[in-house]
Amino acid sequence: MTDRLDPRRVQAALVCMHLDPAYAAAVRGPGPLPELAGRERELLRAVDPRTLAVDPYRRARAVHALIEEYPAAAALLGVPAIDAFFSTLAFRTCVFEHGSMALSFGTWLGDQAGGPGRIEAAIARARRPRPDPAPGLSCNPCVAPLLLPAGSLACLERIRARLGPDPAAALASARPLRERPPRGPKQEALLIEASPAGEVSLGTASEPLVRLLRFAAAPQTHAALAAEAVRLGAEPHEADELLAGLVADGLLVAG
């Protein structure tokens, strides 16, 4: 990295320093920080540590924002696990690359909270607009087809019902959940659809449909999608009509 001072990197580092005292200490320490040039680090080292502590609830508000989108994951893993995200490389990468905190958290979460966590991550993705798809037919970015361990949706619904309308308050006052996310080879197929207004519908779907939409995660030719539909059980003479119906329903979009 050159020694050129980039205000955007300085700003990103300040965000990380405000939310993660360990990173602030690393900036002031002797160890290498490849994301910062020498001049940028000198500037950040000159920041009075007291200014970073002016708002002691900054990180708590960030944790609260994640709990609002990932209440079941927070209930299954515990609030300290959500808080720990802000001290990870995944969080710093998100800040330096100007990404979405909720989406980066979902990627970092992975399968830690099982199917319920993966459902919440998929909802977060479906609710956020993305660039127009490349040429071809692909799954609508506002649609998330999922194959999860059987019982994942029911587990999510139980946890959310138990937490009520204010998950953060419920988690602060309630006993730890004894719920465990389902595991095992048996699967259920789910479909998430987000409207332009951000409203989300979530329910079960046929496994062949979900597998076809997952196949279309990357843009495909019409012929490739038709062949996959046949492989999944559609009659050859019905494949074109099936794809046209999925486009009409907004599940597939043409780039």
Protein backbone atom coordinates (compact mmCIF):
# COMPACT_ATOMS: atom_id res chain seq x y z
CA MET A 1 0.00 0.00 0.00
CA THR A 2 1.29 3.47 -0.90
CA ASP A 3 1.70 6.12 1.77
CA ARG A 4 -1.05 8.23 0.17
CA LEU A 5 -3.60 9.47 2.68
CA ASP A 6 -7.12 8.35 1.76
CA PRO A 7 -9.86 10.11 3.79
CA ARG A 8 -12.23 7.18 3.20
CA ARG A 9 -9.85 4.72 4.83
CA VAL A 10 -9.30 7.10 7.72
CA GLN A 11 -13.04 7.46 8.20
CA ALA A 12 -13.54 3.67 8.04
CA ALA A 13 -10.79 3.12 10.59
CA LEU A 14 -12.38 5.67 12.90
CA VAL A 15 -15.70 3.82 12.71
CA CYS A 16 -13.91 0.60 13.67
CA MET A 17 -12.05 2.36 16.47
CA HIS A 18 -15.29 3.74 17.89
CA LEU A 19 -16.96 0.32 17.87
CA ASP A 20 -14.01 -1.88 18.79
CA PRO A 21 -11.58 -0.79 21.53
CA ALA A 22 -9.28 -3.68 20.58
CA TYR A 23 -8.91 -2.27 17.08
CA ALA A 24 -8.26 1.20 18.47
CA ALA A 25 -5.48 -0.29 20.59
CA ALA A 26 -4.09 -2.09 17.53
CA VAL A 27 -3.98 1.18 15.58
CA ARG A 28 -1.94 2.73 18.38
CA GLY A 29 0.20 -0.39 18.80
CA PRO A 30 3.31 -1.51 16.93
CA GLY A 31 1.84 -4.41 14.95
CA PRO A 32 1.13 -4.27 11.19
CA LEU A 33 -2.24 -3.09 9.88
CA PRO A 34 -2.19 -3.68 6.12
CA GLU A 35 -5.42 -1.75 5.51
CA LEU A 36 -3.81 1.54 6.61
CA ALA A 37 -0.98 3.54 5.09
CA GLY A 38 1.66 5.04 7.33
CA ARG A 39 0.33 8.61 7.16
CA GLU A 40 -3.21 7.43 7.85
CA ARG A 41 -2.09 5.52 10.90
CA GLU A 42 -0.09 8.48 12.22
CA LEU A 43 -3.20 10.63 11.92
CA LEU A 44 -5.33 8.07 13.75
CA ARG A 45 -2.77 7.59 16.50
CA ALA A 46 -3.09 11.29 17.24
CA VAL A 47 -6.81 10.91 18.04
CA ASP A 48 -7.41 11.51 21.74
CA PRO A 49 -8.67 8.17 23.17
CA ARG A 50 -11.20 10.12 25.23
CA THR A 51 -13.04 11.13 22.06
CA LEU A 52 -13.66 7.47 21.29
CA ALA A 53 -15.40 7.04 24.64
CA VAL A 54 -17.73 10.04 24.42
CA ASP A 55 -20.66 7.81 23.42
CA PRO A 56 -20.40 4.62 25.51
CA TYR A 57 -23.60 3.17 23.98
CA ARG A 58 -22.52 3.32 20.34
CA ARG A 59 -21.65 -0.38 20.15
CA ALA A 60 -24.77 -1.33 22.11
CA ARG A 61 -26.91 0.47 19.51
CA ALA A 62 -25.15 -1.40 16.72
CA VAL A 63 -25.79 -4.70 18.53
CA HIS A 64 -29.45 -3.68 18.96
CA ALA A 65 -29.74 -3.05 15.21
CA LEU A 66 -28.48 -6.55 14.45
CA ILE A 67 -30.80 -8.12 17.01
CA GLU A 68 -33.74 -6.42 15.30
CA GLU A 69 -32.88 -8.26 12.07
CA TYR A 70 -31.55 -11.45 13.64
CA PRO A 71 -33.63 -12.04 16.77
CA ALA A 72 -33.66 -15.83 16.51
CA ALA A 73 -29.91 -15.97 15.93
CA ALA A 74 -29.37 -13.72 18.95
CA ALA A 75 -31.63 -15.92 21.06
CA LEU A 76 -29.87 -19.11 19.99
CA LEU A 77 -26.30 -17.83 20.28
CA GLY A 78 -26.69 -15.22 23.03
CA VAL A 79 -26.21 -11.47 22.82
CA PRO A 80 -22.44 -11.69 23.61
CA ALA A 81 -21.98 -13.66 20.38
CA ILE A 82 -23.68 -10.88 18.41
CA ASP A 83 -21.54 -8.29 20.19
CA ALA A 84 -18.40 -10.27 19.28
CA PHE A 85 -19.04 -9.63 15.57
CA PHE A 86 -17.83 -6.05 16.00
CA SER A 87 -14.36 -7.29 16.90
CA THR A 88 -13.99 -9.50 13.81
CA LEU A 89 -12.14 -9.09 10.55
CA ALA A 90 -15.51 -9.58 8.81
CA PHE A 91 -16.85 -6.41 10.42
CA ARG A 92 -13.73 -4.38 9.60
CA THR A 93 -13.82 -5.59 6.00
CA CYS A 94 -17.46 -4.52 5.76
CA VAL A 95 -16.62 -1.04 7.03
CA PHE A 96 -13.58 -0.55 4.80
CA GLU A 97 -15.48 -1.81 1.74
CA HIS A 98 -18.59 0.29 2.59
CA GLY A 99 -20.76 -2.81 2.74
CA SER A 100 -24.00 -3.58 4.55
CA MET A 101 -23.54 -4.45 8.22
CA ALA A 102 -26.60 -6.71 8.22
CA LEU A 103 -25.47 -8.62 5.13
CA SER A 104 -21.90 -8.94 6.37
CA PHE A 105 -23.18 -10.24 9.69
CA GLY A 106 -25.30 -12.82 7.86
CA THR A 107 -22.26 -14.03 5.93
CA TRP A 108 -20.18 -14.18 9.11
CA LEU A 109 -23.02 -15.97 10.91
CA GLY A 110 -23.09 -18.79 8.39
CA ASP A 111 -24.56 -21.89 10.03
CA GLN A 112 -23.76 -20.89 13.62
CA ALA A 113 -27.47 -20.46 14.38
CA GLY A 114 -28.60 -23.28 12.09
CA GLY A 115 -31.62 -22.95 9.84
CA PRO A 116 -33.25 -20.07 11.77
CA GLY A 117 -30.13 -17.95 11.36
CA ARG A 118 -29.90 -18.78 7.68
CA ILE A 119 -33.55 -17.77 7.21
CA GLU A 120 -32.90 -14.42 8.86
CA ALA A 121 -29.80 -13.86 6.72
CA ALA A 122 -31.81 -14.67 3.58
CA ILE A 123 -34.54 -12.21 4.62
CA ALA A 124 -31.90 -9.51 5.10
CA ARG A 125 -30.54 -10.18 1.59
CA ALA A 126 -33.96 -10.23 -0.07
CA ARG A 127 -34.94 -6.90 1.50
CA ARG A 128 -31.92 -5.04 0.15
CA PRO A 129 -31.84 -4.00 -3.52
CA ARG A 130 -28.94 -5.23 -5.59
CA PRO A 131 -27.61 -4.43 -9.07
CA ASP A 132 -29.62 -5.56 -12.07
CA PRO A 133 -28.86 -9.17 -13.02
CA ALA A 134 -26.51 -10.01 -15.86
CA PRO A 135 -27.93 -11.16 -19.22
CA GLY A 136 -29.91 -14.37 -19.01
CA LEU A 137 -32.59 -15.68 -16.68
CA SER A 138 -31.87 -15.63 -12.97
CA CYS A 139 -33.63 -15.85 -9.64
CA ASN A 140 -35.14 -12.53 -8.62
CA PRO A 141 -32.75 -10.87 -6.11
CA CYS A 142 -35.78 -10.20 -3.89
CA VAL A 143 -36.47 -13.95 -3.71
CA ALA A 144 -34.51 -16.39 -1.56
CA PRO A 145 -35.00 -20.14 -2.13
CA LEU A 146 -33.72 -22.21 0.80
CA LEU A 147 -33.13 -25.88 1.57
CA LEU A 148 -32.77 -26.27 5.33
CA PRO A 149 -33.01 -28.96 7.99
CA ALA A 150 -36.65 -29.93 8.50
CA GLY A 151 -38.24 -27.94 11.31
CA SER A 152 -36.16 -24.78 10.80
CA LEU A 153 -39.14 -22.57 9.98
CA ALA A 154 -41.14 -23.84 12.95
CA CYS A 155 -38.14 -23.26 15.21
CA LEU A 156 -37.79 -19.69 13.93
CA GLU A 157 -41.48 -18.99 14.48
CA ARG A 158 -41.40 -20.37 18.05
CA ILE A 159 -38.42 -18.25 18.98
CA ARG A 160 -39.81 -15.06 17.46
CA ALA A 161 -43.18 -15.59 19.13
CA ARG A 162 -41.44 -16.07 22.46
CA LEU A 163 -39.39 -12.90 22.03
CA GLY A 164 -42.38 -10.74 21.11
CA PRO A 165 -42.31 -7.28 19.50
CA ASP A 166 -39.13 -6.11 21.29
CA PRO A 167 -36.54 -8.89 20.94
CA ALA A 168 -33.70 -6.89 22.51
CA ALA A 169 -35.69 -6.19 25.65
CA ALA A 170 -36.84 -9.80 25.84
CA LEU A 171 -33.29 -11.08 25.51
CA ALA A 172 -32.09 -8.67 28.20
CA SER A 173 -34.63 -9.88 30.73
CA ALA A 174 -35.47 -13.47 29.82
CA ARG A 175 -33.76 -16.69 30.75
CA PRO A 176 -31.59 -18.25 28.03
CA LEU A 177 -33.55 -20.27 25.50
CA ARG A 178 -33.28 -24.02 25.64
CA GLU A 179 -34.16 -24.21 21.96
CA ARG A 180 -31.71 -25.87 19.60
CA PRO A 181 -31.88 -25.45 15.83
CA PRO A 182 -32.86 -28.60 13.96
CA ARG A 183 -30.08 -30.68 12.46
CA GLY A 184 -30.11 -33.82 10.38
CA PRO A 185 -30.42 -34.98 6.77
CA LYS A 186 -34.17 -34.43 6.33
CA GLN A 187 -34.81 -31.11 4.59
CA GLU A 188 -37.59 -28.60 4.05
CA ALA A 189 -37.87 -26.23 1.08
CA LEU A 190 -38.67 -22.59 1.83
CA LEU A 191 -39.28 -19.53 -0.30
CA ILE A 192 -38.78 -15.94 0.86
CA GLU A 193 -40.15 -13.03 -1.18
CA ALA A 194 -39.60 -9.36 -0.35
CA SER A 195 -41.77 -6.61 -1.82
CA PRO A 196 -40.37 -3.23 -2.93
CA ALA A 197 -41.83 -1.82 0.31
CA GLY A 198 -39.76 -4.25 2.36
CA GLU A 199 -42.63 -6.56 3.35
CA VAL A 200 -41.58 -10.20 3.49
CA SER A 201 -43.54 -13.37 2.84
CA LEU A 202 -42.06 -16.65 4.01
CA GLY A 203 -43.40 -20.14 3.59
CA THR A 204 -42.83 -23.66 2.38
CA ALA A 205 -42.50 -24.44 -1.33
CA SER A 206 -41.99 -27.48 -3.52
CA GLU A 207 -38.44 -28.81 -3.44
CA PRO A 208 -38.10 -28.93 -7.27
CA LEU A 209 -39.09 -25.24 -7.51
CA VAL A 210 -36.59 -24.24 -4.82
CA ARG A 211 -33.84 -26.29 -6.48
CA LEU A 212 -34.61 -24.69 -9.85
CA LEU A 213 -34.43 -21.18 -8.38
CA ARG A 214 -31.20 -22.04 -6.60
CA PHE A 215 -29.81 -23.28 -9.92
CA ALA A 216 -30.71 -19.84 -11.30
CA ALA A 217 -28.76 -17.99 -8.60
CA ALA A 218 -26.32 -17.14 -11.39
CA PRO A 219 -27.84 -16.11 -14.76
CA GLN A 220 -28.62 -19.05 -17.04
CA THR A 221 -29.71 -19.44 -20.63
CA HIS A 222 -33.32 -20.37 -21.27
CA ALA A 223 -32.17 -23.73 -22.62
CA ALA A 224 -30.10 -24.50 -19.53
CA LEU A 225 -32.98 -23.65 -17.20
CA ALA A 226 -35.43 -25.70 -19.25
CA ALA A 227 -33.08 -28.68 -19.15
CA GLU A 228 -32.70 -28.31 -15.37
CA ALA A 229 -36.49 -28.11 -14.96
CA VAL A 230 -36.83 -31.39 -16.87
CA ARG A 231 -34.11 -32.98 -14.77
CA LEU A 232 -36.06 -31.93 -11.66
CA GLY A 233 -39.23 -33.61 -12.90
CA ALA A 234 -41.01 -31.30 -15.35
CA GLU A 235 -42.33 -32.79 -18.59
CA PRO A 236 -40.21 -31.67 -21.58
CA HIS A 237 -43.21 -30.17 -23.37
CA GLU A 238 -44.09 -28.14 -20.21
CA ALA A 239 -40.67 -26.64 -19.48
CA ASP A 240 -41.08 -23.49 -21.59
CA GLU A 241 -44.51 -22.79 -20.11
CA LEU A 242 -43.14 -23.38 -16.59
CA LEU A 243 -40.34 -20.86 -17.08
CA ALA A 244 -42.71 -18.31 -18.59
CA GLY A 245 -44.94 -18.69 -15.55
CA LEU A 246 -42.03 -18.16 -13.16
CA VAL A 247 -41.08 -14.98 -15.05
CA ALA A 248 -44.69 -13.78 -14.93
CA ASP A 249 -44.80 -14.47 -11.18
CA GLY A 250 -41.57 -12.50 -10.66
CA LEU A 251 -39.59 -15.47 -9.36
CA LEU A 252 -37.30 -15.39 -12.39
CA VAL A 253 -36.09 -12.17 -14.00
CA ALA A 254 -34.49 -11.54 -17.38
CA GLY A 255 -31.28 -9.53 -17.38
